[in-house]
Amino acid sequence: MSFLNKPLFKNVDSFSLGLFRFVFGAFMLIEMIFYLKSGFFKDSVMVPYYNFPYDYLEFISPMGDSAMGFVHFLMGLSAILIMIGYYSRWASLLFFICFTYFLLCCRGLFNNHFYLFSLLSLLFVFLDADRSFSIRPKNKAKEKVIPMWQLNILRFQVVVVYFFGGVAKLTHDWLVLKEPMRETLKSFSPNGFVSSELMVSLFNYGGLAFDLSIGFLLLFRRTRTLAIIGVILFNLTNAIVFDDIAIFPFVMLGTVLLFLDPEGQAILKIKSFFVNNRGTSIKRTAGEYHQISKPVIVGVGIYVLFQVLFPLRHHLITDNVVWTGIARKFSWHMKVQQRSEKEISFLVKDKSSGEEIKVDYTFINQRINNLQILQMSQSPVMAWQFANWLEKRLNMELRAQKNKSFKDLEIYCTIKTSFNGRPAQYIIDPSIDLTKAPYSPFGANNWIMPLKEYSNE
């Protein structure tokens, strides 16, 4: 396995890894401060009556207000410790546990940059990221090199984000209809040059080519400079065009540090601003080789295999992952759809008495938040979950208010949404009682309506 010596075992300077750890920790601290000031953390998981659980993770749910507030505090504290490099492995573990718990409290919270933050914090648990640019305890401060695999595993993760983001765009809508790019640019600039057919094509096919190639271009020295310019322009454009991706493009800008030669001129110039390079004493010098145990090799192999295969699982489950939403999460499906809900309501029928109650948007919004409603309008599975929760919730409320309950409830869902420029259509069969409809995360769910072919009529 000598071919693995250089990418895995060669010792290199640890500064670029340490600097990226600082950048990541700083961004996570900014994220936690934003959650506090905006009330996002509280509104997301503590206010709603119902949080939509993930399949097989129903046991994960929000704790009481005080406990969740403490979780938020721990995330902020661990972000600070990651940033300054003080016991960064333990800090990364704490952040990973708390942040992943927060992410899994409700599937309506999911977005791809949350998933990336969770993965990066997990990887930092196993990396010597505090050997540079940190206030690491003095008795451990002499080691200034790391094995190359520690940089390459982070590089691999960034390539995965870009590449599978491109793979997700290899659809009829993206390649032929140029959707949702057309609708996105139309929303950004309704009558301007940006929404012209020329610019739609440039953004659409240019974005696809960028996603599929940029990770690999960053890996090779000859194309790296051009690729870095591309990363800067791409992510700054995303930050301008999209108003719902928060700090994600800036974190991706920070990942450029990982692709610089750890002992090249660019890193040396950056390093010269922060540290005195003279007289550095290390036990193993850069260029020597580090002995790594087999468990590390196996662990890296399993992680790589999972990250390559898991985003493709939908090919075994559903024929239109973007429309059904099944197996879309944790797969880097980014900006591949644009929906506009035209109607969302539930009809509750008591079969025994014939009584009917229409559950409209106002009623729904009193029980779940706007983000959850938005996600539910895009996810048939979340609508199915809400209908089954609603059956239990209505009986509880009626018993409390009128000392009665429904005997045999039927709940029907009406969600009409415009999908990638198409006319509004049902995503769920409105004639099917969702409390009786079976759901499988691995098979066909006949109550989900098929996507109608594109039509301008």
Protein backbone atom coordinates (compact mmCIF):
# COMPACT_ATOMS: atom_id res chain seq x y z
CA MET A 1 0.00 0.00 0.00
CA SER A 2 2.93 2.30 -0.68
CA PHE A 3 0.75 4.42 -2.99
CA LEU A 4 -1.08 5.60 0.15
CA ASN A 5 2.05 6.83 1.90
CA LYS A 6 1.96 10.41 0.64
CA PRO A 7 -1.82 11.13 0.85
CA LEU A 8 -2.19 9.43 4.23
CA PHE A 9 1.06 9.14 6.15
CA LYS A 10 3.34 11.99 5.10
CA ASN A 11 3.85 14.58 7.84
CA VAL A 12 3.02 18.16 6.89
CA ASP A 13 2.85 21.48 8.70
CA SER A 14 -0.30 21.76 10.82
CA PHE A 15 -0.87 25.50 10.39
CA SER A 16 -3.49 25.34 7.62
CA LEU A 17 -5.55 22.83 9.61
CA GLY A 18 -5.25 24.94 12.74
CA LEU A 19 -6.28 28.09 10.88
CA PHE A 20 -9.33 26.36 9.39
CA ARG A 21 -10.27 25.11 12.86
CA PHE A 22 -10.19 28.70 14.06
CA VAL A 23 -12.33 29.88 11.11
CA PHE A 24 -14.84 27.07 11.63
CA GLY A 25 -15.11 27.76 15.36
CA ALA A 26 -15.56 31.49 14.71
CA PHE A 27 -18.39 30.87 12.26
CA MET A 28 -20.09 28.45 14.63
CA LEU A 29 -19.90 31.07 17.39
CA ILE A 30 -21.47 33.63 15.03
CA GLU A 31 -24.19 31.07 14.25
CA MET A 32 -24.93 30.53 17.94
CA ILE A 33 -25.08 34.28 18.59
CA PHE A 34 -27.51 34.62 15.68
CA TYR A 35 -29.70 31.86 17.17
CA LEU A 36 -29.76 33.76 20.44
CA LYS A 37 -30.49 37.23 19.04
CA SER A 38 -33.06 36.09 16.48
CA GLY A 39 -34.77 33.58 18.74
CA PHE A 40 -34.26 30.92 16.03
CA PHE A 41 -33.22 28.19 18.46
CA LYS A 42 -36.22 28.72 20.71
CA ASP A 43 -38.73 29.20 17.91
CA SER A 44 -37.47 26.15 16.03
CA VAL A 45 -37.78 23.43 18.65
CA MET A 46 -39.15 24.87 21.90
CA VAL A 47 -42.28 26.74 20.76
CA PRO A 48 -44.04 24.32 18.36
CA TYR A 49 -46.56 21.84 19.75
CA TYR A 50 -45.15 19.20 17.40
CA ASN A 51 -41.68 18.48 16.07
CA PHE A 52 -41.48 16.15 13.10
CA PRO A 53 -39.22 13.21 14.00
CA TYR A 54 -36.92 11.39 11.60
CA ASP A 55 -37.64 7.80 10.68
CA TYR A 56 -36.43 5.44 13.42
CA LEU A 57 -35.33 8.40 15.55
CA GLU A 58 -38.70 9.11 17.14
CA PHE A 59 -37.06 8.90 20.57
CA ILE A 60 -35.17 12.15 19.86
CA SER A 61 -37.27 15.13 20.88
CA PRO A 62 -36.75 18.56 22.47
CA MET A 63 -36.31 18.67 26.24
CA GLY A 64 -37.72 21.35 28.51
CA ASP A 65 -36.96 25.03 27.99
CA SER A 66 -34.20 25.17 30.60
CA ALA A 67 -32.50 22.04 29.26
CA MET A 68 -32.65 23.28 25.67
CA GLY A 69 -31.29 26.64 26.77
CA PHE A 70 -28.37 24.80 28.37
CA VAL A 71 -27.79 22.88 25.12
CA HIS A 72 -27.62 26.22 23.30
CA PHE A 73 -25.11 27.51 25.87
CA LEU A 74 -22.96 24.39 25.44
CA MET A 75 -22.90 24.87 21.68
CA GLY A 76 -21.72 28.45 22.11
CA LEU A 77 -19.08 27.46 24.68
CA SER A 78 -17.76 24.58 22.59
CA ALA A 79 -17.59 26.86 19.51
CA ILE A 80 -15.36 29.24 21.49
CA LEU A 81 -13.11 26.37 22.61
CA ILE A 82 -12.87 25.08 19.03
CA MET A 83 -11.97 28.55 17.81
CA ILE A 84 -9.17 29.10 20.32
CA GLY A 85 -7.99 25.48 20.12
CA TYR A 86 -8.32 24.65 23.79
CA TYR A 87 -8.97 20.92 24.14
CA SER A 88 -10.43 21.14 20.66
CA ARG A 89 -11.13 17.41 20.33
CA TRP A 90 -13.37 17.41 23.41
CA ALA A 91 -14.90 20.73 22.38
CA SER A 92 -15.63 19.33 18.91
CA LEU A 93 -17.24 16.26 20.43
CA LEU A 94 -19.43 18.43 22.66
CA PHE A 95 -20.43 20.65 19.74
CA PHE A 96 -21.15 17.63 17.53
CA ILE A 97 -23.40 16.00 20.14
CA CYS A 98 -25.33 19.18 20.93
CA PHE A 99 -25.64 20.48 17.38
CA THR A 100 -26.59 17.09 15.92
CA TYR A 101 -29.17 16.63 18.67
CA PHE A 102 -30.63 20.04 17.77
CA LEU A 103 -30.65 19.13 14.07
CA LEU A 104 -32.41 15.81 14.72
CA CYS A 105 -35.10 17.25 16.98
CA CYS A 106 -37.21 18.07 13.93
CA ARG A 107 -36.84 17.08 10.30
CA GLY A 108 -38.32 20.46 9.39
CA LEU A 109 -35.07 22.05 10.58
CA PHE A 110 -32.89 20.26 8.06
CA ASN A 111 -30.74 22.06 5.61
CA ASN A 112 -27.50 20.99 4.01
CA HIS A 113 -25.23 23.47 5.74
CA PHE A 114 -26.44 22.27 9.16
CA TYR A 115 -25.51 18.75 8.07
CA LEU A 116 -22.08 19.96 6.93
CA PHE A 117 -21.46 21.73 10.25
CA SER A 118 -22.30 18.53 12.07
CA LEU A 119 -19.95 16.45 9.90
CA LEU A 120 -17.06 18.90 10.20
CA SER A 121 -17.37 18.98 13.99
CA LEU A 122 -17.39 15.17 14.00
CA LEU A 123 -14.22 15.03 11.91
CA PHE A 124 -12.46 17.50 14.20
CA VAL A 125 -12.94 15.02 17.05
CA PHE A 126 -10.36 12.79 15.36
CA LEU A 127 -7.94 15.44 14.10
CA ASP A 128 -4.94 17.11 15.71
CA ALA A 129 -6.36 20.49 14.78
CA ASP A 130 -4.98 22.25 17.86
CA ARG A 131 -1.30 21.84 17.03
CA SER A 132 -1.15 25.29 15.47
CA PHE A 133 -3.03 28.55 15.91
CA SER A 134 -4.27 27.54 19.33
CA ILE A 135 -3.75 27.98 23.07
CA ARG A 136 -3.14 24.29 23.47
CA PRO A 137 -1.69 23.31 26.87
CA LYS A 138 2.07 24.06 26.91
CA ASN A 139 3.17 20.51 27.67
CA LYS A 140 1.65 19.42 24.33
CA ALA A 141 2.59 22.41 22.23
CA LYS A 142 5.79 21.15 20.59
CA GLU A 143 4.18 18.92 17.97
CA LYS A 144 3.65 21.10 14.90
CA VAL A 145 3.01 18.53 12.17
CA ILE A 146 0.12 16.29 11.25
CA PRO A 147 -0.25 13.27 8.96
CA MET A 148 -1.57 14.25 5.55
CA TRP A 149 -4.76 12.20 5.93
CA GLN A 150 -6.07 14.74 8.42
CA LEU A 151 -6.13 17.45 5.76
CA ASN A 152 -7.30 15.09 3.05
CA ILE A 153 -10.33 13.82 4.94
CA LEU A 154 -11.57 17.42 5.24
CA ARG A 155 -10.75 18.05 1.59
CA PHE A 156 -12.71 14.93 0.70
CA GLN A 157 -15.73 16.19 2.63
CA VAL A 158 -15.70 19.50 0.78
CA VAL A 159 -15.40 17.74 -2.59
CA VAL A 160 -18.39 15.57 -1.64
CA VAL A 161 -20.52 18.65 -0.96
CA TYR A 162 -19.74 20.19 -4.32
CA PHE A 163 -19.78 17.02 -6.42
CA PHE A 164 -23.00 15.51 -5.10
CA GLY A 165 -24.57 18.95 -5.26
CA GLY A 166 -23.86 18.70 -8.98
CA VAL A 167 -25.04 15.10 -9.29
CA ALA A 168 -28.38 16.14 -7.75
CA LYS A 169 -28.81 18.61 -10.62
CA LEU A 170 -28.62 15.93 -13.32
CA THR A 171 -32.39 15.97 -13.78
CA HIS A 172 -34.81 16.77 -16.57
CA ASP A 173 -35.85 19.98 -14.84
CA TRP A 174 -32.30 21.29 -14.54
CA LEU A 175 -30.89 20.09 -17.86
CA VAL A 176 -33.88 20.72 -20.14
CA LEU A 177 -36.26 23.14 -18.42
CA LYS A 178 -33.48 25.14 -16.70
CA GLU A 179 -35.51 25.02 -13.52
CA PRO A 180 -35.45 26.14 -10.79
CA MET A 181 -32.75 28.53 -11.99
CA ARG A 182 -35.20 30.37 -14.27
CA GLU A 183 -37.66 30.97 -11.40
CA THR A 184 -34.86 31.87 -9.00
CA LEU A 185 -33.40 34.57 -11.24
CA LYS A 186 -36.87 35.83 -12.10
CA SER A 187 -37.55 36.30 -8.39
CA PHE A 188 -34.20 38.02 -7.88
CA SER A 189 -34.55 40.36 -10.86
CA PRO A 190 -38.04 40.18 -12.45
CA ASN A 191 -37.38 42.46 -15.43
CA GLY A 192 -33.61 42.80 -15.51
CA PHE A 193 -30.78 41.37 -17.59
CA VAL A 194 -30.06 38.83 -14.83
CA SER A 195 -33.31 36.99 -15.62
CA SER A 196 -32.72 36.95 -19.40
CA GLU A 197 -32.45 33.61 -21.20
CA LEU A 198 -28.71 34.11 -21.71
CA MET A 199 -28.08 34.60 -17.99
CA VAL A 200 -30.41 31.74 -17.05
CA SER A 201 -28.38 29.41 -19.27
CA LEU A 202 -25.08 30.77 -17.95
CA PHE A 203 -26.06 30.34 -14.30
CA ASN A 204 -27.77 27.01 -14.92
CA TYR A 205 -25.13 25.13 -16.87
CA GLY A 206 -22.22 27.07 -15.41
CA GLY A 207 -23.38 26.19 -11.89
CA LEU A 208 -23.71 22.53 -12.83
CA ALA A 209 -20.24 22.41 -14.38
CA PHE A 210 -18.80 24.21 -11.38
CA ASP A 211 -20.30 21.78 -8.85
CA LEU A 212 -19.17 18.68 -10.72
CA SER A 213 -15.61 19.85 -11.33
CA ILE A 214 -14.52 22.38 -8.71
CA GLY A 215 -13.60 19.92 -5.97
CA PHE A 216 -11.21 18.10 -8.28
CA LEU A 217 -9.77 21.32 -9.71
CA LEU A 218 -8.95 22.41 -6.15
CA LEU A 219 -6.99 19.22 -5.57
CA PHE A 220 -4.47 19.74 -8.37
CA ARG A 221 -1.75 22.34 -8.12
CA ARG A 222 -1.92 23.44 -11.76
CA THR A 223 -5.64 24.30 -11.60
CA ARG A 224 -5.83 25.36 -7.95
CA THR A 225 -5.38 29.12 -8.40
CA LEU A 226 -8.10 29.34 -11.05
CA ALA A 227 -10.33 27.08 -8.94
CA ILE A 228 -9.91 29.28 -5.86
CA ILE A 229 -10.97 32.34 -7.88
CA GLY A 230 -13.99 30.33 -9.02
CA VAL A 231 -14.87 29.36 -5.44
CA ILE A 232 -14.72 32.99 -4.33
CA LEU A 233 -16.94 34.23 -7.16
CA PHE A 234 -19.38 31.32 -6.87
CA ASN A 235 -19.94 31.62 -3.15
CA LEU A 236 -20.16 35.41 -3.13
CA THR A 237 -22.76 35.17 -5.90
CA ASN A 238 -24.72 32.62 -3.87
CA ALA A 239 -24.62 34.91 -0.84
CA ILE A 240 -26.15 37.70 -2.95
CA VAL A 241 -28.76 35.71 -4.87
CA PHE A 242 -30.01 33.40 -2.10
CA ASP A 243 -31.29 34.88 1.13
CA ASP A 244 -31.76 31.58 3.00
CA ILE A 245 -28.26 30.12 3.17
CA ALA A 246 -26.89 32.31 5.98
CA ILE A 247 -23.18 31.73 6.63
CA PHE A 248 -22.88 28.65 4.42
CA PRO A 249 -21.12 30.39 1.47
CA PHE A 250 -18.63 32.01 3.86
CA VAL A 251 -17.81 28.68 5.51
CA MET A 252 -17.22 27.27 2.02
CA LEU A 253 -14.90 30.20 1.33
CA GLY A 254 -13.01 29.25 4.49
CA THR A 255 -12.51 25.71 3.22
CA VAL A 256 -10.15 27.12 0.56
CA LEU A 257 -7.50 27.07 3.31
CA LEU A 258 -7.63 23.27 3.29
CA PHE A 259 -6.64 23.04 -0.38
CA LEU A 260 -3.58 25.29 -0.18
CA ASP A 261 -0.29 23.43 -0.10
CA PRO A 262 0.31 23.12 3.69
CA GLU A 263 3.96 24.03 3.13
CA GLY A 264 3.55 26.25 0.08
CA GLN A 265 4.20 29.95 -0.27
CA ALA A 266 0.59 31.00 0.29
CA ILE A 267 0.36 29.29 3.68
CA LEU A 268 3.84 30.49 4.65
CA LYS A 269 2.82 34.10 3.90
CA ILE A 270 -0.36 33.75 5.95
CA LYS A 271 1.61 32.10 8.72
CA SER A 272 4.16 34.90 8.81
CA PHE A 273 1.42 37.31 9.92
CA PHE A 274 0.65 35.24 13.02
CA VAL A 275 3.71 33.30 14.16
CA ASN A 276 7.49 33.51 14.27
CA ASN A 277 8.76 30.63 12.15
CA ARG A 278 12.29 30.74 13.50
CA GLY A 279 13.51 28.10 15.89
CA THR A 280 10.47 25.83 15.76
CA SER A 281 11.16 22.62 17.66
CA ILE A 282 9.25 19.52 16.60
CA LYS A 283 9.60 15.82 17.26
CA ARG A 284 8.79 14.78 13.68
CA THR A 285 9.60 17.16 10.86
CA ALA A 286 7.41 17.73 7.83
CA GLY A 287 8.32 15.33 5.05
CA GLU A 288 8.82 12.34 7.31
CA TYR A 289 6.18 9.64 7.55
CA HIS A 290 3.82 8.96 10.38
CA GLN A 291 2.78 5.47 11.46
CA ILE A 292 -1.01 5.16 11.56
CA SER A 293 -2.84 2.28 13.14
CA LYS A 294 -5.12 0.02 11.13
CA PRO A 295 -8.24 1.19 13.01
CA VAL A 296 -7.63 4.72 11.67
CA ILE A 297 -7.33 3.42 8.12
CA VAL A 298 -10.49 1.33 8.53
CA GLY A 299 -12.36 4.24 10.09
CA VAL A 300 -11.38 6.62 7.27
CA GLY A 301 -12.37 3.98 4.71
CA ILE A 302 -15.81 3.45 6.28
CA TYR A 303 -16.45 7.20 6.46
CA VAL A 304 -15.45 7.70 2.81
CA LEU A 305 -17.60 4.79 1.67
CA PHE A 306 -20.63 6.10 3.58
CA GLN A 307 -20.26 9.60 2.17
CA VAL A 308 -20.06 8.23 -1.38
CA LEU A 309 -22.95 5.76 -1.18
CA PHE A 310 -25.51 7.35 1.17
CA PRO A 311 -26.34 10.31 -1.12
CA LEU A 312 -27.27 7.79 -3.85
CA ARG A 313 -29.70 5.71 -1.79
CA HIS A 314 -32.76 7.31 -3.34
CA HIS A 315 -32.11 5.40 -6.59
CA LEU A 316 -33.24 2.28 -4.73
CA ILE A 317 -36.30 3.93 -3.20
CA THR A 318 -38.03 6.54 -5.36
CA ASP A 319 -38.06 7.62 -8.99
CA ASN A 320 -38.33 11.35 -8.27
CA VAL A 321 -36.54 12.23 -5.07
CA VAL A 322 -36.92 15.98 -5.53
CA TRP A 323 -40.72 15.79 -5.81
CA THR A 324 -41.43 13.16 -3.14
CA GLY A 325 -38.74 14.32 -0.72
CA ILE A 326 -38.07 10.73 0.34
CA ALA A 327 -34.32 10.13 0.82
CA ARG A 328 -33.58 13.72 -0.23
CA LYS A 329 -32.11 14.81 3.09
CA PHE A 330 -28.44 14.16 3.92
CA SER A 331 -27.76 13.85 0.18
CA TRP A 332 -26.59 17.36 -0.80
CA HIS A 333 -29.68 18.20 -2.84
CA MET A 334 -29.15 21.95 -2.90
CA LYS A 335 -31.25 24.50 -4.78
CA VAL A 336 -32.80 21.88 -7.07
CA GLN A 337 -36.39 22.93 -6.48
CA GLN A 338 -38.50 26.01 -6.05
CA ARG A 339 -42.02 25.62 -4.71
CA SER A 340 -44.79 28.03 -3.97
CA GLU A 341 -47.65 26.63 -1.94
CA LYS A 342 -51.05 27.74 -3.20
CA GLU A 343 -53.16 25.88 -0.67
CA ILE A 344 -52.52 23.91 2.50
CA SER A 345 -55.29 22.54 4.70
CA PHE A 346 -56.58 19.39 6.36
CA LEU A 347 -60.14 18.11 6.46
CA VAL A 348 -61.09 16.16 9.59
CA LYS A 349 -64.15 13.89 9.42
CA ASP A 350 -65.81 11.98 12.24
CA LYS A 351 -67.05 8.94 10.37
CA SER A 352 -69.55 7.97 13.02
CA SER A 353 -71.27 11.37 13.37
CA GLY A 354 -70.56 12.89 9.98
CA GLU A 355 -69.10 16.00 11.65
CA GLU A 356 -66.37 17.80 9.69
CA ILE A 357 -63.71 20.30 10.71
CA LYS A 358 -61.53 22.16 8.22
CA VAL A 359 -58.07 22.76 9.60
CA ASP A 360 -56.78 25.85 7.79
CA TYR A 361 -53.45 27.65 7.73
CA THR A 362 -54.27 29.73 10.82
CA PHE A 363 -55.07 26.65 12.89
CA ILE A 364 -51.91 24.90 11.67
CA ASN A 365 -49.72 27.94 12.37
CA GLN A 366 -50.93 28.03 15.97
CA ARG A 367 -49.39 24.60 16.47
CA ILE A 368 -46.27 24.56 14.30
CA ASN A 369 -44.05 27.39 13.08
CA ASN A 370 -43.71 28.95 9.63
CA LEU A 371 -40.54 27.02 8.81
CA GLN A 372 -42.26 23.73 9.62
CA ILE A 373 -45.27 24.69 7.49
CA LEU A 374 -42.97 25.59 4.59
CA GLN A 375 -41.14 22.28 4.90
CA MET A 376 -44.43 20.38 5.21
CA SER A 377 -45.72 21.96 2.01
CA GLN A 378 -42.67 20.44 0.28
CA SER A 379 -42.66 17.08 2.03
CA PRO A 380 -45.52 14.58 1.72
CA VAL A 381 -44.03 12.57 4.59
CA MET A 382 -44.23 15.54 6.96
CA ALA A 383 -47.87 16.09 5.95
CA TRP A 384 -48.54 12.43 6.70
CA GLN A 385 -46.85 12.81 10.10
CA PHE A 386 -48.84 15.93 10.89
CA ALA A 387 -52.14 14.25 9.98
CA ASN A 388 -51.45 11.35 12.33
CA TRP A 389 -50.36 13.70 15.11
CA LEU A 390 -53.43 15.86 14.45
CA GLU A 391 -55.72 12.91 15.08
CA LYS A 392 -54.30 12.47 18.58
CA ARG A 393 -54.08 16.22 19.24
CA LEU A 394 -57.68 16.97 18.26
CA ASN A 395 -59.03 14.26 20.50
CA MET A 396 -57.00 15.62 23.38
CA GLU A 397 -58.18 19.21 22.78
CA LEU A 398 -61.82 18.20 22.40
CA ARG A 399 -61.73 16.18 25.60
CA ALA A 400 -60.31 19.20 27.41
CA GLN A 401 -62.74 21.74 25.91
CA LYS A 402 -65.99 19.83 25.31
CA ASN A 403 -65.52 16.64 27.25
CA LYS A 404 -65.92 14.66 24.04
CA SER A 405 -63.78 12.98 21.42
CA PHE A 406 -64.10 11.72 17.90
CA LYS A 407 -64.84 8.02 17.59
CA ASP A 408 -63.48 7.29 14.13
CA LEU A 409 -61.44 10.08 12.58
CA GLU A 410 -60.52 10.43 8.95
CA ILE A 411 -58.04 13.13 7.96
CA TYR A 412 -57.52 14.30 4.39
CA CYS A 413 -54.80 16.65 3.25
CA THR A 414 -54.97 19.29 0.53
CA ILE A 415 -51.62 20.73 -0.47
CA LYS A 416 -51.33 22.38 -3.86
CA THR A 417 -47.96 23.71 -4.81
CA SER A 418 -46.24 25.12 -7.85
CA PHE A 419 -43.08 23.12 -8.52
CA ASN A 420 -40.22 24.51 -10.61
CA GLY A 421 -42.46 26.78 -12.64
CA ARG A 422 -45.26 24.27 -13.19
CA PRO A 423 -48.90 25.09 -12.52
CA ALA A 424 -49.99 24.27 -8.97
CA GLN A 425 -50.77 20.60 -8.39
CA TYR A 426 -51.50 18.23 -5.54
CA ILE A 427 -48.57 16.54 -3.84
CA ILE A 428 -50.87 14.24 -1.84
CA ASP A 429 -54.02 12.49 -3.04
CA PRO A 430 -56.75 14.56 -1.32
CA SER A 431 -59.15 11.60 -1.40
CA ILE A 432 -57.02 9.35 0.82
CA ASP A 433 -57.40 9.23 4.61
CA LEU A 434 -53.84 9.75 5.83
CA THR A 435 -54.54 8.15 9.22
CA LYS A 436 -55.07 4.86 7.37
CA ALA A 437 -52.43 5.33 4.68
CA PRO A 438 -49.30 3.23 5.20
CA TYR A 439 -45.91 4.93 5.00
CA SER A 440 -42.62 3.26 4.17
CA PRO A 441 -39.27 5.06 3.90
CA PHE A 442 -38.09 2.29 1.56
CA GLY A 443 -41.05 1.56 -0.70
CA ALA A 444 -43.87 3.00 -2.74
CA ASN A 445 -46.30 5.35 -1.02
CA ASN A 446 -49.33 5.42 -3.29
CA TRP A 447 -50.90 8.40 -1.52
CA ILE A 448 -48.14 10.65 -2.93
CA MET A 449 -49.29 12.08 -6.24
CA PRO A 450 -46.97 11.67 -9.24
CA LEU A 451 -45.49 14.85 -10.65
CA LYS A 452 -47.37 15.95 -13.75
CA GLU A 453 -45.36 16.63 -16.88
CA TYR A 454 -44.36 20.19 -17.59
CA SER A 455 -46.99 22.33 -19.19
CA ASN A 456 -47.38 26.05 -19.81
CA GLU A 457 -51.16 25.74 -19.82
